[in-house]
């Protein structure tokens, strides 16, 4: 039960931080998303995001900041194995399922609903 509470608090905290960036900082949703991805990347590169995931579970692995962490983890793992080219391939290898899903489901939603613009 305690794990669920921490997941809720950490995930909620990340969402609150994003909302504050939009409301107080007057950032657009795109800027807020990019900022959270970059912060997740920085924390992942410093080795701080993985302990957060271990502590909060889905509360840290579901928000968009986890995508930045996944990008860095993929790049670092492949760089160790394949060198510089691994940095480029590792990013796509680790995150390709999520990117593909977003594209496919976005396309299906555009077919079902009438998109604006």
PDB file of N, CA and C in Angstrom:
ATOM      1  N   UNK A   1       0.818  -1.193   0.000  1.00  0.00           N
ATOM      2  CA  UNK A   1       0.000   0.000   0.000  1.00  0.00           C
ATOM      3  C   UNK A   1       0.866   1.264   0.000  1.00  0.00           C
ATOM      4  N   UNK A   2       1.983   1.195   0.719  1.00  0.00           N
ATOM      5  CA  UNK A   2       2.875   2.349   0.798  1.00  0.00           C
ATOM      6  C   UNK A   2       3.447   2.699  -0.577  1.00  0.00           C
ATOM      7  N   UNK A   3       3.721   1.670  -1.388  1.00  0.00           N
ATOM      8  CA  UNK A   3       4.272   1.886  -2.735  1.00  0.00           C
ATOM      9  C   UNK A   3       3.301   2.704  -3.596  1.00  0.00           C
ATOM     10  N   UNK A   4       2.000   2.418  -3.454  1.00  0.00           N
ATOM     11  CA  UNK A   4       0.996   3.156  -4.219  1.00  0.00           C
ATOM     12  C   UNK A   4       0.957   4.628  -3.820  1.00  0.00           C
ATOM     13  N   UNK A   5       1.095   4.881  -2.529  1.00  0.00           N
ATOM     14  CA  UNK A   5       1.063   6.260  -2.036  1.00  0.00           C
ATOM     15  C   UNK A   5       2.254   7.040  -2.582  1.00  0.00           C
ATOM     16  N   UNK A   6       3.449   6.431  -2.539  1.00  0.00           N
ATOM     17  CA  UNK A   6       4.636   7.111  -3.065  1.00  0.00           C
ATOM     18  C   UNK A   6       4.535   7.320  -4.570  1.00  0.00           C
ATOM     19  N   UNK A   7       3.992   6.331  -5.277  1.00  0.00           N
ATOM     20  CA  UNK A   7       3.805   6.486  -6.727  1.00  0.00           C
ATOM     21  C   UNK A   7       2.871   7.657  -7.011  1.00  0.00           C
ATOM     22  N   UNK A   8       1.792   7.743  -6.250  1.00  0.00           N
ATOM     23  CA  UNK A   8       0.833   8.830  -6.426  1.00  0.00           C
ATOM     24  C   UNK A   8       1.482  10.187  -6.131  1.00  0.00           C
ATOM     25  N   UNK A   9       2.234  10.255  -5.040  1.00  0.00           N
ATOM     26  CA  UNK A   9       2.846  11.530  -4.652  1.00  0.00           C
ATOM     27  C   UNK A   9       3.937  11.969  -5.624  1.00  0.00           C
ATOM     28  N   UNK A  10       4.778  11.046  -6.041  1.00  0.00           N
ATOM     29  CA  UNK A  10       5.858  11.407  -6.967  1.00  0.00           C
ATOM     30  C   UNK A  10       5.291  11.755  -8.346  1.00  0.00           C
ATOM     31  N   UNK A  11       4.397  10.914  -8.861  1.00  0.00           N
ATOM     32  CA  UNK A  11       3.775  11.201 -10.158  1.00  0.00           C
ATOM     33  C   UNK A  11       2.995  12.504 -10.126  1.00  0.00           C
ATOM     34  N   UNK A  12       2.263  12.707  -9.034  1.00  0.00           N
ATOM     35  CA  UNK A  12       1.519  13.958  -8.869  1.00  0.00           C
ATOM     36  C   UNK A  12       2.443  15.155  -8.774  1.00  0.00           C
ATOM     37  N   UNK A  13       3.578  14.974  -8.093  1.00  0.00           N
ATOM     38  CA  UNK A  13       4.545  16.060  -7.977  1.00  0.00           C
ATOM     39  C   UNK A  13       5.123  16.459  -9.323  1.00  0.00           C
ATOM     40  N   UNK A  14       5.400  15.469 -10.164  1.00  0.00           N
ATOM     41  CA  UNK A  14       5.905  15.765 -11.509  1.00  0.00           C
ATOM     42  C   UNK A  14       4.840  16.513 -12.313  1.00  0.00           C
ATOM     43  N   UNK A  15       3.600  16.072 -12.181  1.00  0.00           N
ATOM     44  CA  UNK A  15       2.503  16.744 -12.898  1.00  0.00           C
ATOM     45  C   UNK A  15       2.272  18.162 -12.374  1.00  0.00           C
ATOM     46  N   UNK A  16       2.384  18.337 -11.056  1.00  0.00           N
ATOM     47  CA  UNK A  16       2.241  19.679 -10.476  1.00  0.00           C
ATOM     48  C   UNK A  16       3.350  20.587 -10.990  1.00  0.00           C
ATOM     49  N   UNK A  17       4.558  20.070 -11.060  1.00  0.00           N
ATOM     50  CA  UNK A  17       5.675  20.874 -11.569  1.00  0.00           C
ATOM     51  C   UNK A  17       5.396  21.319 -13.006  1.00  0.00           C
ATOM     52  N   UNK A  18       4.879  20.421 -13.827  1.00  0.00           N
ATOM     53  CA  UNK A  18       4.529  20.776 -15.201  1.00  0.00           C
ATOM     54  C   UNK A  18       3.430  21.816 -15.262  1.00  0.00           C
ATOM     55  N   UNK A  19       2.430  21.668 -14.399  1.00  0.00           N
ATOM     56  CA  UNK A  19       1.329  22.632 -14.383  1.00  0.00           C
ATOM     57  C   UNK A  19       1.806  24.007 -13.928  1.00  0.00           C
ATOM     58  N   UNK A  20       2.704  24.037 -12.957  1.00  0.00           N
ATOM     59  CA  UNK A  20       3.257  25.314 -12.496  1.00  0.00           C
ATOM     60  C   UNK A  20       4.059  25.974 -13.613  1.00  0.00           C
ATOM     61  N   UNK A  21       4.807  25.167 -14.380  1.00  0.00           N
ATOM     62  CA  UNK A  21       5.562  25.739 -15.502  1.00  0.00           C
ATOM     63  C   UNK A  21       4.620  26.415 -16.495  1.00  0.00           C
ATOM     64  N   UNK A  22       3.452  25.815 -16.728  1.00  0.00           N
ATOM     65  CA  UNK A  22       2.508  26.403 -17.684  1.00  0.00           C
ATOM     66  C   UNK A  22       1.780  27.605 -17.093  1.00  0.00           C
ATOM     67  N   UNK A  23       1.357  27.507 -15.818  1.00  0.00           N
ATOM     68  CA  UNK A  23       0.562  28.577 -15.221  1.00  0.00           C
ATOM     69  C   UNK A  23       1.404  29.771 -14.782  1.00  0.00           C
ATOM     70  N   UNK A  24       2.484  29.519 -14.077  1.00  0.00           N
ATOM     71  CA  UNK A  24       3.306  30.608 -13.543  1.00  0.00           C
ATOM     72  C   UNK A  24       4.349  31.053 -14.563  1.00  0.00           C
ATOM     73  N   UNK A  25       5.010  30.086 -15.179  1.00  0.00           N
ATOM     74  CA  UNK A  25       6.050  30.405 -16.149  1.00  0.00           C
ATOM     75  C   UNK A  25       5.527  30.757 -17.522  1.00  0.00           C
ATOM     76  N   UNK A  26       4.223  30.600 -17.721  1.00  0.00           N
ATOM     77  CA  UNK A  26       3.568  30.899 -19.005  1.00  0.00           C
ATOM     78  C   UNK A  26       4.198  30.136 -20.171  1.00  0.00           C
ATOM     79  N   UNK A  27       4.663  28.909 -19.902  1.00  0.00           N
ATOM     80  CA  UNK A  27       5.202  28.066 -20.969  1.00  0.00           C
ATOM     81  C   UNK A  27       4.056  27.373 -21.695  1.00  0.00           C
ATOM     82  N   UNK A  28       4.241  27.131 -22.958  1.00  0.00           N
ATOM     83  CA  UNK A  28       3.249  26.374 -23.715  1.00  0.00           C
ATOM     84  C   UNK A  28       3.351  24.899 -23.319  1.00  0.00           C
ATOM     85  N   UNK A  29       2.315  24.110 -23.613  1.00  0.00           N
ATOM     86  CA  UNK A  29       2.413  22.678 -23.317  1.00  0.00           C
ATOM     87  C   UNK A  29       3.617  22.015 -23.990  1.00  0.00           C
ATOM     88  N   UNK A  30       3.962  22.450 -25.199  1.00  0.00           N
ATOM     89  CA  UNK A  30       5.112  21.864 -25.894  1.00  0.00           C
ATOM     90  C   UNK A  30       6.419  22.196 -25.166  1.00  0.00           C
ATOM     91  N   UNK A  31       6.551  23.436 -24.711  1.00  0.00           N
ATOM     92  CA  UNK A  31       7.751  23.819 -23.964  1.00  0.00           C
ATOM     93  C   UNK A  31       7.836  23.061 -22.637  1.00  0.00           C
ATOM     94  N   UNK A  32       6.702  22.896 -21.993  1.00  0.00           N
ATOM     95  CA  UNK A  32       6.669  22.166 -20.723  1.00  0.00           C
ATOM     96  C   UNK A  32       7.065  20.711 -20.935  1.00  0.00           C
ATOM     97  N   UNK A  33       6.533  20.097 -21.975  1.00  0.00           N
ATOM     98  CA  UNK A  33       6.870  18.702 -22.273  1.00  0.00           C
ATOM     99  C   UNK A  33       8.358  18.553 -22.549  1.00  0.00           C
ATOM    100  N   UNK A  34       8.888  19.441 -23.376  1.00  0.00           N
ATOM    101  CA  UNK A  34      10.326  19.384 -23.684  1.00  0.00           C
ATOM    102  C   UNK A  34      11.172  19.590 -22.441  1.00  0.00           C
ATOM    103  N   UNK A  35      10.762  20.508 -21.586  1.00  0.00           N
ATOM    104  CA  UNK A  35      11.503  20.758 -20.353  1.00  0.00           C
ATOM    105  C   UNK A  35      11.523  19.525 -19.470  1.00  0.00           C
ATOM    106  N   UNK A  36      10.376  18.854 -19.333  1.00  0.00           N
ATOM    107  CA  UNK A  36      10.317  17.650 -18.500  1.00  0.00           C
ATOM    108  C   UNK A  36      11.150  16.512 -19.101  1.00  0.00           C
ATOM    109  N   UNK A  37      11.152  16.391 -20.417  1.00  0.00           N
ATOM    110  CA  UNK A  37      11.984  15.365 -21.058  1.00  0.00           C
ATOM    111  C   UNK A  37      13.464  15.661 -20.820  1.00  0.00           C
ATOM    112  N   UNK A  38      13.853  16.924 -20.965  1.00  0.00           N
ATOM    113  CA  UNK A  38      15.257  17.301 -20.742  1.00  0.00           C
ATOM    114  C   UNK A  38      15.653  17.077 -19.282  1.00  0.00           C
ATOM    115  N   UNK A  39      14.775  17.437 -18.348  1.00  0.00           N
ATOM    116  CA  UNK A  39      15.070  17.204 -16.932  1.00  0.00           C
ATOM    117  C   UNK A  39      15.217  15.707 -16.643  1.00  0.00           C
ATOM    118  N   UNK A  40      14.342  14.899 -17.236  1.00  0.00           N
ATOM    119  CA  UNK A  40      14.463  13.450 -17.080  1.00  0.00           C
ATOM    120  C   UNK A  40      15.762  12.926 -17.665  1.00  0.00           C
ATOM    121  N   UNK A  41      16.184  13.503 -18.783  1.00  0.00           N
ATOM    122  CA  UNK A  41      17.452  13.114 -19.405  1.00  0.00           C
ATOM    123  C   UNK A  41      18.636  13.469 -18.511  1.00  0.00           C
ATOM    124  N   UNK A  42      18.605  14.671 -17.968  1.00  0.00           N
ATOM    125  CA  UNK A  42      19.700  15.108 -17.097  1.00  0.00           C
ATOM    126  C   UNK A  42      19.769  14.235 -15.847  1.00  0.00           C
ATOM    127  N   UNK A  43      18.619  14.015 -15.219  1.00  0.00           N
ATOM    128  CA  UNK A  43      18.606  13.170 -14.024  1.00  0.00           C
ATOM    129  C   UNK A  43      19.037  11.741 -14.347  1.00  0.00           C
ATOM    130  N   UNK A  44      18.623  11.241 -15.519  1.00  0.00           N
ATOM    131  CA  UNK A  44      19.043   9.904 -15.938  1.00  0.00           C
ATOM    132  C   UNK A  44      20.536   9.834 -16.186  1.00  0.00           C
ATOM    133  N   UNK A  45      21.083  10.865 -16.821  1.00  0.00           N
ATOM    134  CA  UNK A  45      22.517  10.899 -17.090  1.00  0.00           C
ATOM    135  C   UNK A  45      23.352  10.982 -15.823  1.00  0.00           C
ATOM    136  N   UNK A  46      22.798  11.618 -14.808  1.00  0.00           N
ATOM    137  CA  UNK A  46      23.498  11.723 -13.527  1.00  0.00           C
ATOM    138  C   UNK A  46      23.263  10.503 -12.635  1.00  0.00           C
ATOM    139  N   UNK A  47      22.422   9.583 -13.117  1.00  0.00           N
ATOM    140  CA  UNK A  47      22.144   8.374 -12.342  1.00  0.00           C
ATOM    141  C   UNK A  47      21.140   8.581 -11.223  1.00  0.00           C
ATOM    142  N   UNK A  48      20.347   9.644 -11.290  1.00  0.00           N
ATOM    143  CA  UNK A  48      19.393   9.946 -10.233  1.00  0.00           C
ATOM    144  C   UNK A  48      17.962   9.507 -10.548  1.00  0.00           C
ATOM    145  N   UNK A  49      17.646   9.291 -11.820  1.00  0.00           N
ATOM    146  CA  UNK A  49      16.261   8.958 -12.164  1.00  0.00           C
ATOM    147  C   UNK A  49      15.936   7.492 -11.878  1.00  0.00           C
ATOM    148  N   UNK A  50      16.879   6.595 -12.085  1.00  0.00           N
ATOM    149  CA  UNK A  50      16.621   5.176 -11.843  1.00  0.00           C
ATOM    150  C   UNK A  50      16.295   4.900 -10.376  1.00  0.00           C
ATOM    151  N   UNK A  51      17.022   5.497  -9.415  1.00  0.00           N
ATOM    152  CA  UNK A  51      16.614   5.310  -8.018  1.00  0.00           C
ATOM    153  C   UNK A  51      15.219   5.864  -7.734  1.00  0.00           C
ATOM    154  N   UNK A  52      14.839   6.944  -8.427  1.00  0.00           N
ATOM    155  CA  UNK A  52      13.492   7.492  -8.262  1.00  0.00           C
ATOM    156  C   UNK A  52      12.453   6.502  -8.767  1.00  0.00           C
ATOM    157  N   UNK A  53      12.724   5.846  -9.883  1.00  0.00           N
ATOM    158  CA  UNK A  53      11.812   4.821 -10.403  1.00  0.00           C
ATOM    159  C   UNK A  53      11.734   3.648  -9.438  1.00  0.00           C
ATOM    160  N   UNK A  54      12.866   3.263  -8.889  1.00  0.00           N
ATOM    161  CA  UNK A  54      12.879   2.160  -7.925  1.00  0.00           C
ATOM    162  C   UNK A  54      12.053   2.514  -6.689  1.00  0.00           C
ATOM    163  N   UNK A  55      12.113   3.773  -6.279  1.00  0.00           N
ATOM    164  CA  UNK A  55      11.400   4.235  -5.089  1.00  0.00           C
ATOM    165  C   UNK A  55       9.902   4.401  -5.358  1.00  0.00           C
ATOM    166  N   UNK A  56       9.552   5.062  -6.465  1.00  0.00           N
ATOM    167  CA  UNK A  56       8.157   5.436  -6.706  1.00  0.00           C
ATOM    168  C   UNK A  56       7.456   4.582  -7.752  1.00  0.00           C
ATOM    169  N   UNK A  57       8.143   3.680  -8.413  1.00  0.00           N
ATOM    170  CA  UNK A  57       7.511   2.806  -9.404  1.00  0.00           C
ATOM    171  C   UNK A  57       6.879   3.580 -10.539  1.00  0.00           C
ATOM    172  N   UNK A  58       5.607   3.303 -10.788  1.00  0.00           N
ATOM    173  CA  UNK A  58       4.897   3.934 -11.904  1.00  0.00           C
ATOM    174  C   UNK A  58       4.780   5.442 -11.751  1.00  0.00           C
ATOM    175  N   UNK A  59       4.858   5.936 -10.528  1.00  0.00           N
ATOM    176  CA  UNK A  59       4.797   7.380 -10.311  1.00  0.00           C
ATOM    177  C   UNK A  59       5.932   8.117 -10.989  1.00  0.00           C
ATOM    178  N   UNK A  60       7.053   7.436 -11.204  1.00  0.00           N
ATOM    179  CA  UNK A  60       8.196   8.052 -11.874  1.00  0.00           C
ATOM    180  C   UNK A  60       8.389   7.515 -13.283  1.00  0.00           C
ATOM    181  N   UNK A  61       7.880   6.319 -13.566  1.00  0.00           N
ATOM    182  CA  UNK A  61       8.125   5.729 -14.887  1.00  0.00           C
ATOM    183  C   UNK A  61       7.051   6.081 -15.913  1.00  0.00           C
ATOM    184  N   UNK A  62       5.890   6.556 -15.494  1.00  0.00           N
ATOM    185  CA  UNK A  62       4.823   6.894 -16.435  1.00  0.00           C
ATOM    186  C   UNK A  62       4.927   8.324 -16.974  1.00  0.00           C
ATOM    187  N   UNK A  63       5.243   9.343 -16.156  1.00  0.00           N
ATOM    188  CA  UNK A  63       5.307  10.714 -16.702  1.00  0.00           C
ATOM    189  C   UNK A  63       6.339  10.855 -17.827  1.00  0.00           C
ATOM    190  N   UNK A  64       6.205  11.918 -18.592  1.00  0.00           N
ATOM    191  CA  UNK A  64       7.038  12.143 -19.773  1.00  0.00           C
ATOM    192  C   UNK A  64       8.512  12.291 -19.424  1.00  0.00           C
ATOM    193  N   UNK A  65       8.823  12.658 -18.202  1.00  0.00           N
ATOM    194  CA  UNK A  65      10.221  12.778 -17.807  1.00  0.00           C
ATOM    195  C   UNK A  65      10.942  11.435 -17.899  1.00  0.00           C
ATOM    196  N   UNK A  66      10.194  10.355 -17.774  1.00  0.00           N
ATOM    197  CA  UNK A  66      10.784   9.023 -17.897  1.00  0.00           C
ATOM    198  C   UNK A  66      11.252   8.745 -19.326  1.00  0.00           C
ATOM    199  N   UNK A  67      10.626   9.402 -20.300  1.00  0.00           N
ATOM    200  CA  UNK A  67      11.047   9.233 -21.687  1.00  0.00           C
ATOM    201  C   UNK A  67      12.464   9.769 -21.877  1.00  0.00           C
ATOM    202  N   UNK A  68      12.752  10.908 -21.268  1.00  0.00           N
ATOM    203  CA  UNK A  68      14.109  11.450 -21.328  1.00  0.00           C
ATOM    204  C   UNK A  68      15.112  10.508 -20.684  1.00  0.00           C
ATOM    205  N   UNK A  69      14.723   9.928 -19.569  1.00  0.00           N
ATOM    206  CA  UNK A  69      15.575   8.952 -18.895  1.00  0.00           C
ATOM    207  C   UNK A  69      15.824   7.743 -19.793  1.00  0.00           C
ATOM    208  N   UNK A  70      14.785   7.279 -20.477  1.00  0.00           N
ATOM    209  CA  UNK A  70      14.933   6.125 -21.374  1.00  0.00           C
ATOM    210  C   UNK A  70      15.869   6.452 -22.538  1.00  0.00           C
ATOM    211  N   UNK A  71      15.774   7.664 -23.069  1.00  0.00           N
ATOM    212  CA  UNK A  71      16.666   8.067 -24.160  1.00  0.00           C
ATOM    213  C   UNK A  71      18.126   8.005 -23.721  1.00  0.00           C
ATOM    214  N   UNK A  72      18.407   8.550 -22.556  1.00  0.00           N
ATOM    215  CA  UNK A  72      19.787   8.578 -22.069  1.00  0.00           C
ATOM    216  C   UNK A  72      20.268   7.167 -21.740  1.00  0.00           C
ATOM    217  N   UNK A  73      19.419   6.375 -21.081  1.00  0.00           N
ATOM    218  CA  UNK A  73      19.813   4.997 -20.752  1.00  0.00           C
ATOM    219  C   UNK A  73      20.128   4.192 -22.003  1.00  0.00           C
ATOM    220  N   UNK A  74      19.290   4.331 -23.028  1.00  0.00           N
ATOM    221  CA  UNK A  74      19.537   3.617 -24.277  1.00  0.00           C
ATOM    222  C   UNK A  74      20.826   4.044 -24.935  1.00  0.00           C
ATOM    223  N   UNK A  75      21.064   5.346 -24.946  1.00  0.00           N
ATOM    224  CA  UNK A  75      22.289   5.864 -25.559  1.00  0.00           C
ATOM    225  C   UNK A  75      23.523   5.392 -24.799  1.00  0.00           C
ATOM    226  N   UNK A  76      23.470   5.428 -23.477  1.00  0.00           N
ATOM    227  CA  UNK A  76      24.632   5.024 -22.679  1.00  0.00           C
ATOM    228  C   UNK A  76      24.910   3.524 -22.796  1.00  0.00           C
ATOM    229  N   UNK A  77      23.853   2.714 -22.780  1.00  0.00           N
ATOM    230  CA  UNK A  77      24.040   1.255 -22.887  1.00  0.00           C
ATOM    231  C   UNK A  77      24.657   0.880 -24.232  1.00  0.00           C
ATOM    232  N   UNK A  78      24.134   1.452 -25.293  1.00  0.00           N
ATOM    233  CA  UNK A  78      24.651   1.134 -26.626  1.00  0.00           C
ATOM    234  C   UNK A  78      26.021   1.748 -26.868  1.00  0.00           C
ATOM    235  N   UNK A  79      26.299   2.900 -26.253  1.00  0.00           N
ATOM    236  CA  UNK A  79      27.621   3.521 -26.403  1.00  0.00           C
ATOM    237  C   UNK A  79      28.698   2.633 -25.794  1.00  0.00           C
ATOM    238  N   UNK A  80      28.379   1.988 -24.689  1.00  0.00           N
ATOM    239  CA  UNK A  80      29.347   1.066 -24.078  1.00  0.00           C
ATOM    240  C   UNK A  80      29.642  -0.114 -25.001  1.00  0.00           C
ATOM    241  N   UNK A  81      28.609  -0.564 -25.696  1.00  0.00           N
ATOM    242  CA  UNK A  81      28.761  -1.737 -26.549  1.00  0.00           C
ATOM    243  C   UNK A  81      29.332  -1.403 -27.923  1.00  0.00           C
ATOM    244  N   UNK A  82      28.818  -0.328 -28.552  1.00  0.00           N
ATOM    245  CA  UNK A  82      29.161  -0.038 -29.944  1.00  0.00           C
ATOM    246  C   UNK A  82      29.919   1.263 -30.157  1.00  0.00           C
ATOM    247  N   UNK A  83      30.240   1.973 -29.101  1.00  0.00           N
ATOM    248  CA  UNK A  83      30.941   3.237 -29.258  1.00  0.00           C
ATOM    249  C   UNK A  83      30.014   4.359 -29.676  1.00  0.00           C
ATOM    250  N   UNK A  84      30.555   5.312 -30.430  1.00  0.00           N
ATOM    251  CA  UNK A  84      29.798   6.515 -30.785  1.00  0.00           C
ATOM    252  C   UNK A  84      28.522   6.203 -31.558  1.00  0.00           C
ATOM    253  N   UNK A  85      28.584   5.273 -32.485  1.00  0.00           N
ATOM    254  CA  UNK A  85      27.379   4.938 -33.266  1.00  0.00           C
ATOM    255  C   UNK A  85      26.286   4.364 -32.366  1.00  0.00           C
ATOM    256  N   UNK A  86      26.677   3.758 -31.273  1.00  0.00           N
ATOM    257  CA  UNK A  86      25.708   3.231 -30.314  1.00  0.00           C
ATOM    258  C   UNK A  86      24.885   4.318 -29.650  1.00  0.00           C
ATOM    259  N   UNK A  87      25.448   5.510 -29.530  1.00  0.00           N
ATOM    260  CA  UNK A  87      24.691   6.624 -28.959  1.00  0.00           C
ATOM    261  C   UNK A  87      23.466   6.897 -29.824  1.00  0.00           C
ATOM    262  N   UNK A  88      23.641   6.887 -31.125  1.00  0.00           N
ATOM    263  CA  UNK A  88      22.534   7.162 -32.046  1.00  0.00           C
ATOM    264  C   UNK A  88      21.550   5.997 -32.123  1.00  0.00           C
ATOM    265  N   UNK A  89      22.066   4.793 -32.221  1.00  0.00           N
ATOM    266  CA  UNK A  89      21.170   3.640 -32.366  1.00  0.00           C
ATOM    267  C   UNK A  89      20.480   3.288 -31.059  1.00  0.00           C
ATOM    268  N   UNK A  90      21.143   3.516 -29.934  1.00  0.00           N
ATOM    269  CA  UNK A  90      20.569   3.170 -28.641  1.00  0.00           C
ATOM    270  C   UNK A  90      19.328   3.961 -28.312  1.00  0.00           C
ATOM    271  N   UNK A  91      19.304   5.213 -28.714  1.00  0.00           N
ATOM    272  CA  UNK A  91      18.137   6.061 -28.468  1.00  0.00           C
ATOM    273  C   UNK A  91      16.902   5.456 -29.111  1.00  0.00           C
ATOM    274  N   UNK A  92      17.040   5.000 -30.341  1.00  0.00           N
ATOM    275  CA  UNK A  92      15.884   4.475 -31.061  1.00  0.00           C
ATOM    276  C   UNK A  92      15.539   3.051 -30.642  1.00  0.00           C
ATOM    277  N   UNK A  93      16.544   2.278 -30.285  1.00  0.00           N
ATOM    278  CA  UNK A  93      16.295   0.889 -29.898  1.00  0.00           C
ATOM    279  C   UNK A  93      15.447   0.808 -28.631  1.00  0.00           C
ATOM    280  N   UNK A  94      15.747   1.628 -27.661  1.00  0.00           N
ATOM    281  CA  UNK A  94      15.047   1.586 -26.383  1.00  0.00           C
ATOM    282  C   UNK A  94      13.657   2.207 -26.476  1.00  0.00           C
ATOM    283  N   UNK A  95      13.498   3.270 -27.238  1.00  0.00           N
ATOM    284  CA  UNK A  95      12.241   4.014 -27.245  1.00  0.00           C
ATOM    285  C   UNK A  95      11.367   3.763 -28.467  1.00  0.00           C
ATOM    286  N   UNK A  96      11.774   2.875 -29.346  1.00  0.00           N
ATOM    287  CA  UNK A  96      11.032   2.691 -30.602  1.00  0.00           C
ATOM    288  C   UNK A  96       9.601   2.210 -30.392  1.00  0.00           C
ATOM    289  N   UNK A  97       9.358   1.373 -29.405  1.00  0.00           N
ATOM    290  CA  UNK A  97       7.991   0.889 -29.176  1.00  0.00           C
ATOM    291  C   UNK A  97       7.066   2.032 -28.778  1.00  0.00           C
ATOM    292  N   UNK A  98       7.532   2.896 -27.895  1.00  0.00           N
ATOM    293  CA  UNK A  98       6.716   4.029 -27.467  1.00  0.00           C
ATOM    294  C   UNK A  98       6.468   5.024 -28.583  1.00  0.00           C
ATOM    295  N   UNK A  99       7.498   5.307 -29.360  1.00  0.00           N
ATOM    296  CA  UNK A  99       7.354   6.240 -30.480  1.00  0.00           C
ATOM    297  C   UNK A  99       6.412   5.667 -31.536  1.00  0.00           C
ATOM    298  N   UNK A 100       6.583   4.397 -31.861  1.00  0.00           N
ATOM    299  CA  UNK A 100       5.725   3.749 -32.852  1.00  0.00           C
ATOM    300  C   UNK A 100       4.275   3.731 -32.396  1.00  0.00           C
ATOM    301  N   UNK A 101       4.054   3.415 -31.136  1.00  0.00           N
ATOM    302  CA  UNK A 101       2.690   3.391 -30.603  1.00  0.00           C
ATOM    303  C   UNK A 101       2.041   4.768 -30.706  1.00  0.00           C
ATOM    304  N   UNK A 102       2.782   5.810 -30.358  1.00  0.00           N
ATOM    305  CA  UNK A 102       2.234   7.162 -30.423  1.00  0.00           C
ATOM    306  C   UNK A 102       1.844   7.530 -31.852  1.00  0.00           C
ATOM    307  N   UNK A 103       2.671   7.161 -32.809  1.00  0.00           N
ATOM    308  CA  UNK A 103       2.374   7.470 -34.206  1.00  0.00           C
ATOM    309  C   UNK A 103       1.156   6.688 -34.687  1.00  0.00           C
ATOM    310  N   UNK A 104       1.124   5.390 -34.415  1.00  0.00           N
ATOM    311  CA  UNK A 104       0.022   4.534 -34.877  1.00  0.00           C
ATOM    312  C   UNK A 104      -1.296   4.950 -34.248  1.00  0.00           C
ATOM    313  N   UNK A 105      -1.323   5.122 -32.912  1.00  0.00           N
ATOM    314  CA  UNK A 105      -2.571   5.486 -32.251  1.00  0.00           C
ATOM    315  C   UNK A 105      -3.004   6.895 -32.606  1.00  0.00           C
ATOM    316  N   UNK A 106      -2.054   7.805 -32.836  1.00  0.00           N
ATOM    317  CA  UNK A 106      -2.395   9.141 -33.298  1.00  0.00           C
ATOM    318  C   UNK A 106      -3.039   9.110 -34.681  1.00  0.00           C
ATOM    319  N   UNK A 107      -2.516   8.251 -35.554  1.00  0.00           N
ATOM    320  CA  UNK A 107      -3.087   8.105 -36.894  1.00  0.00           C
ATOM    321  C   UNK A 107      -4.501   7.521 -36.830  1.00  0.00           C
ATOM    322  N   UNK A 108      -4.677   6.501 -36.000  1.00  0.00           N
ATOM    323  CA  UNK A 108      -6.006   5.881 -35.840  1.00  0.00           C
ATOM    324  C   UNK A 108      -6.997   6.897 -35.282  1.00  0.00           C
ATOM    325  N   UNK A 109      -6.575   7.686 -34.290  1.00  0.00           N
ATOM    326  CA  UNK A 109      -7.458   8.703 -33.735  1.00  0.00           C
ATOM    327  C   UNK A 109      -7.829   9.753 -34.786  1.00  0.00           C
ATOM    328  N   UNK A 110      -6.889  10.106 -35.646  1.00  0.00           N
ATOM    329  CA  UNK A 110      -7.169  11.072 -36.709  1.00  0.00           C
ATOM    330  C   UNK A 110      -8.154  10.501 -37.729  1.00  0.00           C
ATOM    331  N   UNK A 111      -8.133   9.200 -37.938  1.00  0.00           N
ATOM    332  CA  UNK A 111      -9.085   8.592 -38.853  1.00  0.00           C
ATOM    333  C   UNK A 111     -10.487   8.533 -38.243  1.00  0.00           C
ATOM    334  N   UNK A 112     -10.549   8.279 -36.960  1.00  0.00           N
ATOM    335  CA  UNK A 112     -11.859   8.133 -36.285  1.00  0.00           C
ATOM    336  C   UNK A 112     -12.502   9.478 -36.018  1.00  0.00           C
ATOM    337  N   UNK A 113     -11.726  10.420 -35.506  1.00  0.00           N
ATOM    338  CA  UNK A 113     -12.263  11.723 -35.144  1.00  0.00           C
ATOM    339  C   UNK A 113     -11.860  12.749 -36.191  1.00  0.00           C
ATOM    340  N   UNK A 114     -12.591  13.826 -36.244  1.00  0.00           N
ATOM    341  CA  UNK A 114     -12.307  14.865 -37.238  1.00  0.00           C
ATOM    342  C   UNK A 114     -11.257  15.823 -36.677  1.00  0.00           C
ATOM    343  N   UNK A 115     -10.011  15.741 -37.178  1.00  0.00           N
ATOM    344  CA  UNK A 115      -8.969  16.623 -36.643  1.00  0.00           C
ATOM    345  C   UNK A 115      -9.185  18.070 -37.093  1.00  0.00           C
ATOM    346  N   UNK A 116      -8.773  18.984 -36.250  1.00  0.00           N
ATOM    347  CA  UNK A 116      -8.869  20.404 -36.584  1.00  0.00           C
ATOM    348  C   UNK A 116      -7.609  20.821 -37.306  1.00  0.00           C
ATOM    349  N   UNK A 117      -7.741  21.536 -38.382  1.00  0.00           N
ATOM    350  CA  UNK A 117      -6.570  22.045 -39.109  1.00  0.00           C
ATOM    351  C   UNK A 117      -6.238  21.190 -40.194  1.00  0.00           C
TER     352      UNK A 117
END
